[in-house]
Amino acid sequence: MRDRLAELLDHPELALALDVAAAAAVLARVEGLGAVLRVRLAAPGPQATPLENGHEAGNRLLSAEEVALRLGLDVAAVARRRFPFTVRMGRRTVRYSEAGLEAWLRAAGGARR
């Protein structure tokens, strides 16, 4: 998927050849990234300090239980989804970016209008 996304970013006209399911999957990934980038651009000031795992200092990582509470889902539903704010910490350890979740929620709220 990464190679395909890079190719589509370089040549957006190729998206016209995608089937509906693939187009929806790409759009979800791109909108998730866009939401996080909008948060970054809206937060002026010094550059964030990266941590060893590549995530910004001050961006709390949430458990599946915390995300489930915020989204009104059960934990299993959160674990099954591939949210754009998912952070893989290891083979079996997954956390969720709080800043990414907030950006995703704002973007989803704006899309409903």
Protein backbone atom coordinates (compact mmCIF):
# COMPACT_ATOMS: atom_id res chain seq x y z
CA MET A 1 0.00 0.00 0.00
CA ARG A 2 2.89 2.39 0.78
CA ASP A 3 4.32 2.09 -2.73
CA ARG A 4 0.85 2.65 -4.19
CA LEU A 5 0.29 5.74 -2.02
CA ALA A 6 3.65 7.18 -3.03
CA GLU A 7 2.84 6.55 -6.68
CA LEU A 8 -0.58 8.23 -6.32
CA LEU A 9 0.99 11.24 -4.58
CA ASP A 10 3.42 11.64 -7.46
CA HIS A 11 0.75 10.99 -10.14
CA PRO A 12 -2.75 11.78 -8.74
CA GLU A 13 -4.39 11.13 -12.13
CA LEU A 14 -3.75 7.39 -11.56
CA ALA A 15 -6.47 7.46 -8.88
CA LEU A 16 -9.06 7.56 -11.66
CA ALA A 17 -8.22 3.93 -12.48
CA LEU A 18 -8.82 2.64 -8.92
CA ASP A 19 -11.87 0.53 -8.16
CA VAL A 20 -14.31 1.96 -5.62
CA ALA A 21 -13.03 -0.07 -2.64
CA ALA A 22 -9.40 0.83 -3.33
CA ALA A 23 -10.31 4.49 -3.83
CA ALA A 24 -12.14 4.52 -0.49
CA ALA A 25 -9.18 2.90 1.28
CA VAL A 26 -6.71 5.40 -0.18
CA LEU A 27 -8.97 8.33 0.63
CA ALA A 28 -9.31 7.21 4.26
CA ARG A 29 -5.54 7.02 4.64
CA VAL A 30 -4.96 10.37 2.96
CA GLU A 31 -7.68 12.12 4.98
CA GLY A 32 -6.21 10.74 8.19
CA LEU A 33 -2.82 12.12 7.23
CA GLY A 34 -4.42 15.42 6.22
CA ALA A 35 -6.13 15.71 9.60
CA VAL A 36 -2.86 15.22 11.45
CA LEU A 37 -1.07 17.69 9.17
CA ARG A 38 -3.79 20.31 9.75
CA VAL A 39 -3.28 19.93 13.51
CA ARG A 40 0.46 20.39 13.06
CA LEU A 41 0.00 23.49 10.92
CA ALA A 42 -2.55 24.97 13.32
CA ALA A 43 -0.12 24.67 16.24
CA PRO A 44 2.45 27.42 15.67
CA GLY A 45 5.57 27.51 17.73
CA PRO A 46 8.74 25.52 18.00
CA GLN A 47 9.06 22.22 16.21
CA ALA A 48 7.91 19.25 18.25
CA THR A 49 10.58 17.14 19.89
CA PRO A 50 10.58 13.65 18.38
CA LEU A 51 10.78 10.64 20.63
CA GLU A 52 12.66 7.45 19.85
CA ASN A 53 9.57 5.81 18.33
CA GLY A 54 9.07 8.71 15.94
CA HIS A 55 6.20 10.38 17.75
CA GLU A 56 6.15 13.86 19.17
CA ALA A 57 6.76 14.70 22.79
CA GLY A 58 3.52 15.75 24.46
CA ASN A 59 1.45 13.55 22.16
CA ARG A 60 0.07 11.06 24.64
CA LEU A 61 -0.39 7.50 23.45
CA LEU A 62 -3.77 6.00 24.33
CA SER A 63 -4.77 2.40 24.97
CA ALA A 64 -7.52 0.67 22.99
CA GLU A 65 -9.72 1.02 26.08
CA GLU A 66 -9.30 4.81 26.14
CA VAL A 67 -10.04 5.10 22.41
CA ALA A 68 -13.08 2.85 22.79
CA LEU A 69 -14.47 5.12 25.52
CA ARG A 70 -13.95 8.25 23.41
CA LEU A 71 -15.51 6.74 20.29
CA GLY A 72 -18.32 4.83 21.99
CA LEU A 73 -17.07 1.49 20.65
CA ASP A 74 -16.09 -1.73 22.33
CA VAL A 75 -12.40 -2.54 22.67
CA ALA A 76 -12.57 -5.37 20.12
CA ALA A 77 -13.99 -2.97 17.51
CA VAL A 78 -11.12 -0.55 18.11
CA ALA A 79 -8.56 -3.35 17.83
CA ARG A 80 -10.05 -4.53 14.51
CA ARG A 81 -9.96 -1.10 12.88
CA ARG A 82 -6.92 0.39 11.16
CA PHE A 83 -7.24 3.99 12.31
CA PRO A 84 -4.82 6.52 10.79
CA PHE A 85 -3.71 7.44 14.32
CA THR A 86 -2.64 3.88 15.22
CA VAL A 87 0.92 3.57 16.52
CA ARG A 88 2.57 0.16 16.39
CA MET A 89 4.97 -0.12 19.31
CA GLY A 90 6.01 -3.71 18.60
CA ARG A 91 4.70 -6.92 17.12
CA ARG A 92 1.78 -7.16 19.51
CA THR A 93 1.67 -3.74 21.13
CA VAL A 94 -0.55 -1.05 19.66
CA ARG A 95 -1.30 2.42 21.00
CA TYR A 96 -3.18 5.36 19.52
CA SER A 97 -1.99 8.93 19.10
CA GLU A 98 -4.17 11.27 21.13
CA ALA A 99 -3.38 14.21 18.82
CA GLY A 100 -4.14 12.04 15.80
CA LEU A 101 -7.45 10.91 17.31
CA GLU A 102 -8.48 14.49 18.01
CA ALA A 103 -7.55 15.56 14.47
CA TRP A 104 -9.43 12.59 13.02
CA LEU A 105 -12.53 13.45 15.05
CA ARG A 106 -12.38 17.08 13.92
CA ALA A 107 -11.95 16.02 10.28
CA ALA A 108 -14.84 13.55 10.56
CA GLY A 109 -17.02 16.24 12.12
CA GLY A 110 -16.25 18.62 9.26
CA ALA A 111 -16.98 15.92 6.67
CA ARG A 112 -20.50 15.40 8.00
CA ARG A 113 -21.58 18.98 7.30
